[in-house]
Amino acid sequence: MSSILFLCTGNYYRSRVAEIYLNHHIEQLRLPWTVTSRGLAESFSEDNVGSISRHAIKTLETWRIPIPGEAMARKPVHLQPDDFAKHDRIIAVSENEHLPMMQSRFPDYLDHVSYFEIGDLWLEPRESAMPRLREELNTLLSELVGIRD
């Protein structure tokens, strides 16, 4: 089984939507992939209350994507150096936000990461960010289906 790792700042909103959305569709299509997510920030914000952002939950509910119990219960997880070797693809959801974090925290792994450009809530409202994330995820999903064929 191949794996994809999504990165965002706090592993609370964008990367969690990507993880849950793709895992749902991968399961439906019976693709040999699994998706997880991690946060790049050295410390997570005290404003992130609970396991997953209410904005992530709202987005997934709007898209009619069920949120598995384990996804609702799992707290945000920090990226560790050994995560780079465990995944076939690693995608950070914002090059503007996350490339500087990668350069600072994980400079030896810069060539392991590709990027989307989906801004965090303080940069871009959910109403515009999440449809663009969905487009990126659907493009990736089409690529995964093509790999299978």
Protein backbone atom coordinates (compact mmCIF):
# COMPACT_ATOMS: atom_id res chain seq x y z
CA MET A 1 0.00 0.00 0.00
CA SER A 2 1.28 3.46 -0.93
CA SER A 3 0.82 6.50 1.28
CA ILE A 4 0.37 10.25 1.07
CA LEU A 5 1.15 12.66 3.88
CA PHE A 6 -0.48 16.09 3.98
CA LEU A 7 1.16 18.91 5.90
CA CYS A 8 -0.28 22.14 7.21
CA THR A 9 0.62 24.45 10.04
CA GLY A 10 -1.31 22.94 12.93
CA ASN A 11 -2.77 19.68 11.57
CA TYR A 12 -6.15 21.01 12.54
CA TYR A 13 -7.92 22.30 9.42
CA ARG A 14 -6.62 22.01 5.84
CA SER A 15 -4.51 18.86 6.14
CA ARG A 16 -7.26 17.13 8.09
CA VAL A 17 -9.84 17.93 5.39
CA ALA A 18 -7.44 16.58 2.76
CA GLU A 19 -6.79 13.41 4.77
CA ILE A 20 -10.44 12.59 5.45
CA TYR A 21 -11.67 13.57 1.97
CA LEU A 22 -9.07 11.51 0.11
CA ASN A 23 -9.32 8.49 2.40
CA HIS A 24 -13.08 8.46 1.84
CA HIS A 25 -12.71 8.46 -1.95
CA ILE A 26 -9.77 6.06 -1.95
CA GLU A 27 -11.86 3.58 0.02
CA GLN A 28 -14.82 4.00 -2.35
CA LEU A 29 -12.59 3.43 -5.37
CA ARG A 30 -10.60 0.64 -3.69
CA LEU A 31 -7.29 2.27 -4.49
CA PRO A 32 -4.09 0.95 -2.88
CA TRP A 33 -3.35 4.23 -1.09
CA THR A 34 -3.76 5.62 2.39
CA VAL A 35 -3.58 9.23 3.56
CA THR A 36 -2.55 10.82 6.83
CA SER A 37 -1.57 14.31 7.95
CA ARG A 38 0.81 16.20 10.24
CA GLY A 39 1.49 19.76 11.38
CA LEU A 40 4.68 21.69 10.63
CA ALA A 41 4.51 24.24 13.46
CA GLU A 42 6.87 23.67 16.38
CA SER A 43 3.99 24.36 18.74
CA PHE A 44 0.31 24.30 17.95
CA SER A 45 -1.98 27.23 18.65
CA GLU A 46 -3.90 27.35 21.91
CA ASP A 47 -6.82 28.64 19.82
CA ASN A 48 -7.17 25.18 18.24
CA VAL A 49 -9.70 23.71 20.62
CA GLY A 50 -10.49 20.01 20.30
CA SER A 51 -9.19 17.47 17.84
CA ILE A 52 -10.23 19.03 14.54
CA SER A 53 -11.31 22.48 13.40
CA ARG A 54 -15.01 23.28 13.32
CA HIS A 55 -14.30 24.68 9.85
CA ALA A 56 -12.96 21.30 8.74
CA ILE A 57 -16.04 19.58 10.15
CA LYS A 58 -18.38 22.07 8.44
CA THR A 59 -16.59 21.62 5.12
CA LEU A 60 -16.74 17.83 5.24
CA GLU A 61 -20.39 17.88 6.30
CA THR A 62 -21.21 20.23 3.41
CA TRP A 63 -19.45 17.85 1.02
CA ARG A 64 -21.29 14.90 2.63
CA ILE A 65 -18.04 13.19 3.56
CA PRO A 66 -18.41 11.09 6.72
CA ILE A 67 -15.84 11.80 9.40
CA PRO A 68 -14.62 8.54 10.92
CA GLY A 69 -14.65 8.34 14.70
CA GLU A 70 -10.90 7.90 14.88
CA ALA A 71 -10.41 11.09 12.81
CA MET A 72 -12.67 13.01 15.19
CA ALA A 73 -10.79 11.65 18.21
CA ARG A 74 -7.22 12.05 16.93
CA LYS A 75 -5.46 15.14 18.19
CA PRO A 76 -3.20 17.12 15.84
CA VAL A 77 0.19 15.46 15.33
CA HIS A 78 3.57 17.16 14.85
CA LEU A 79 5.70 16.25 11.85
CA GLN A 80 8.82 14.27 12.79
CA PRO A 81 11.93 13.61 10.67
CA ASP A 82 11.10 9.90 10.38
CA ASP A 83 7.76 10.78 8.72
CA PHE A 84 9.61 11.64 5.51
CA ALA A 85 10.74 8.06 4.94
CA LYS A 86 7.31 6.57 5.68
CA HIS A 87 5.37 8.16 2.81
CA ASP A 88 5.48 7.94 -0.96
CA ARG A 89 4.15 11.48 -1.47
CA ILE A 90 4.23 14.47 0.84
CA ILE A 91 2.16 17.55 0.06
CA ALA A 92 2.07 20.76 2.06
CA VAL A 93 -1.13 22.71 1.54
CA SER A 94 0.54 26.15 1.15
CA GLU A 95 3.93 26.86 -0.34
CA ASN A 96 3.85 30.47 0.92
CA GLU A 97 3.23 29.36 4.50
CA HIS A 98 5.01 26.02 4.65
CA LEU A 99 8.16 26.34 2.56
CA PRO A 100 9.70 28.71 5.15
CA MET A 101 8.79 26.22 7.90
CA MET A 102 10.37 23.41 5.92
CA GLN A 103 13.52 25.47 5.31
CA SER A 104 13.78 26.25 9.01
CA ARG A 105 12.82 22.94 10.58
CA PHE A 106 13.53 20.26 7.96
CA PRO A 107 16.03 21.65 5.41
CA ASP A 108 17.32 18.17 4.55
CA TYR A 109 13.89 17.15 3.26
CA LEU A 110 12.96 20.09 1.01
CA ASP A 111 13.00 17.93 -2.12
CA HIS A 112 10.55 15.47 -0.54
CA VAL A 113 7.64 17.93 -0.47
CA SER A 114 5.35 19.31 -3.16
CA TYR A 115 2.89 22.13 -2.55
CA PHE A 116 -0.64 23.35 -3.08
CA GLU A 117 -1.49 26.99 -2.39
CA ILE A 118 -4.48 26.99 -0.05
CA GLY A 119 -4.35 29.75 2.57
CA ASP A 120 -5.15 29.33 6.25
CA LEU A 121 -8.25 31.02 7.70
CA TRP A 122 -6.39 34.21 8.55
CA LEU A 123 -5.38 34.51 4.87
CA GLU A 124 -8.36 33.11 3.00
CA PRO A 125 -11.96 32.44 4.03
CA ARG A 126 -13.14 28.84 4.16
CA GLU A 127 -15.72 29.57 1.47
CA SER A 128 -13.01 30.18 -1.13
CA ALA A 129 -10.18 28.03 0.24
CA MET A 130 -12.04 24.75 0.57
CA PRO A 131 -13.44 24.59 -2.98
CA ARG A 132 -9.91 25.17 -4.27
CA LEU A 133 -8.57 22.46 -1.95
CA ARG A 134 -11.27 20.13 -3.25
CA GLU A 135 -10.18 20.84 -6.85
CA GLU A 136 -6.57 20.03 -5.97
CA LEU A 137 -7.63 16.83 -4.21
CA ASN A 138 -9.80 15.73 -7.11
CA THR A 139 -6.89 16.28 -9.50
CA LEU A 140 -4.70 14.16 -7.24
CA LEU A 141 -7.40 11.51 -7.00
CA SER A 142 -7.62 11.34 -10.81
CA GLU A 143 -3.86 10.85 -10.91
CA LEU A 144 -4.11 8.01 -8.38
CA VAL A 145 -6.84 6.33 -10.42
CA GLY A 146 -4.58 6.61 -13.49
CA ILE A 147 -1.70 5.01 -11.60
CA ARG A 148 -3.97 2.05 -10.83
CA ASP A 149 -4.99 1.52 -14.45
